[in-house]
Protein backbone atom coordinates (compact mmCIF):
# COMPACT_ATOMS: atom_id res chain seq x y z
CA MET A 1 59.71 -66.44 105.55
CA ASP A 2 59.51 -69.22 103.34
CA THR A 3 56.34 -68.04 101.74
CA VAL A 4 57.83 -64.63 101.08
CA ILE A 5 60.65 -66.23 99.09
CA MET A 6 58.12 -68.57 97.44
CA ILE A 7 55.96 -65.72 96.29
CA ALA A 8 58.97 -63.63 95.18
CA PHE A 9 60.40 -66.77 93.23
CA TYR A 10 56.74 -66.99 91.44
CA GLY A 11 57.01 -63.28 90.75
CA VAL A 12 60.44 -63.59 89.05
CA LEU A 13 59.32 -66.60 87.21
CA PHE A 14 56.45 -64.75 85.71
CA GLY A 15 58.52 -61.81 84.92
CA VAL A 16 60.94 -64.14 83.00
CA MET A 17 58.27 -65.98 81.28
CA TYR A 18 56.64 -62.44 80.26
CA PHE A 19 59.90 -61.17 78.69
CA ILE A 20 60.61 -64.85 76.93
CA LEU A 21 57.15 -65.67 75.81
CA ILE A 22 54.73 -62.82 75.76
CA ARG A 23 56.32 -59.69 74.78
CA PRO A 24 58.01 -60.96 71.58
CA GLN A 25 54.61 -62.39 70.60
CA LYS A 26 52.93 -59.01 71.03
CA LYS A 27 55.95 -57.38 69.10
CA GLN A 28 55.42 -59.75 66.13
CA ALA A 29 51.87 -59.33 66.21
CA GLN A 30 52.15 -55.52 66.13
CA LYS A 31 54.71 -55.92 63.28
CA THR A 32 52.24 -58.04 61.34
CA GLN A 33 49.34 -55.61 61.79
CA ASP A 34 51.64 -52.64 60.74
CA MET A 35 52.50 -54.39 57.44
CA LEU A 36 49.00 -55.35 56.68
CA SER A 37 48.02 -51.77 57.13
CA GLN A 38 50.71 -50.45 54.79
CA ILE A 39 49.58 -52.79 51.87
CA LYS A 40 48.30 -50.87 48.85
CA PRO A 41 47.35 -51.67 45.17
CA GLY A 42 50.28 -52.80 43.19
CA ASP A 43 52.24 -54.52 46.03
CA GLN A 44 53.66 -58.14 45.15
CA VAL A 45 52.36 -60.33 48.16
CA VAL A 46 52.75 -63.88 49.31
CA THR A 47 49.87 -65.58 51.21
CA ILE A 48 50.15 -67.88 54.19
CA GLY A 49 49.48 -70.61 51.48
CA GLY A 50 52.29 -69.64 49.43
CA LEU A 51 50.49 -67.98 46.43
CA HIS A 52 52.20 -64.93 44.94
CA GLY A 53 49.99 -62.22 43.50
CA ILE A 54 49.68 -58.39 43.09
CA VAL A 55 47.17 -56.58 45.26
CA GLU A 56 44.34 -55.29 42.85
CA GLU A 57 42.05 -53.57 45.48
CA ILE A 58 41.62 -53.59 49.04
CA ASN A 59 38.32 -53.49 50.86
CA SER A 60 38.68 -51.90 54.13
CA ALA A 61 35.02 -52.57 55.29
CA ASP A 62 35.26 -56.41 54.70
CA ASN A 63 38.94 -56.29 55.66
CA THR A 64 39.61 -58.31 52.41
CA VAL A 65 42.13 -57.95 49.43
CA VAL A 66 41.71 -59.02 45.86
CA LEU A 67 44.90 -60.41 44.44
CA ASP A 68 45.61 -60.72 40.72
CA CYS A 69 47.29 -63.85 40.16
CA GLU A 70 48.53 -63.93 36.54
CA GLY A 71 45.08 -62.77 35.31
CA ILE A 72 42.98 -64.81 37.92
CA PHE A 73 41.29 -62.51 40.45
CA LEU A 74 41.12 -64.17 43.89
CA THR A 75 39.78 -62.49 47.14
CA PHE A 76 41.46 -63.16 50.47
CA GLU A 77 40.96 -62.11 53.92
CA LYS A 78 43.61 -59.43 54.65
CA ARG A 79 45.18 -61.38 57.38
CA ALA A 80 46.06 -64.25 55.08
CA ILE A 81 48.92 -62.17 53.59
CA SER A 82 51.92 -63.57 55.05
CA ARG A 83 54.59 -60.85 53.50
CA ILE A 84 55.28 -58.29 51.01
CA SER A 85 57.71 -59.62 48.39
CA LYS A 86 57.85 -56.26 46.42
CA VAL A 87 56.47 -52.67 47.10
CA ALA A 88 54.89 -50.86 44.35
CA THR A 89 56.75 -47.59 43.34
CA ILE A 90 54.73 -44.62 42.36
CA THR A 91 56.00 -42.89 39.04
CA THR A 92 55.27 -39.32 38.39
CA ASP A 93 55.68 -37.37 35.40
CA ASP A 94 58.01 -34.83 37.25
CA ALA A 95 61.27 -36.32 35.28
CA ILE A 96 59.58 -36.10 31.95
CA VAL A 97 58.61 -32.39 32.68
CA GLU A 98 62.25 -31.77 33.91
CA ASP A 99 63.69 -33.29 30.66
CA PHE A 100 61.04 -31.26 28.76
CA THR A 101 62.06 -28.21 30.30
CA ALA A 102 65.93 -28.71 30.13
CA THR A 103 65.47 -29.50 26.36
CA GLU A 104 63.42 -26.50 25.81
CA THR A 105 65.91 -24.33 27.52
CA GLU A 106 68.70 -25.95 25.40
CA GLN A 107 66.92 -25.07 22.25
CA THR A 108 66.35 -21.44 23.42
CA HIS A 109 70.24 -20.95 23.99
CA GLU A 110 70.99 -22.48 20.69
CA ASP A 111 68.52 -20.19 18.88
CA LYS A 112 69.87 -17.18 20.71
CA SER A 113 73.56 -18.30 19.79
CA GLU A 114 72.55 -18.63 16.04
CA GLU A 115 71.73 -14.98 16.00
């Protein structure tokens, strides 16, 4: 009977250790991997050494990134990126097209009202 209790105790101890140590570490590793897979050119990043730079290019074959640090281009392993400080935004010309269309429509209405 004592051996069954001892085996159950070790099982519970292993379960507690799994939820306290191993599971959070796996979640953190998955979060880091997701962050690294979402890096794109134009993102401002910070390396594990504290270097701030802008991602210039990503080489998926070698798993490296080229950072632009105020005109100096440095190549790092992708895993050397500790965090993304600012995500690059992609701007489109839709706003310009919409603005142009609105201006053109207003001019057409003004021309018709003058006649």
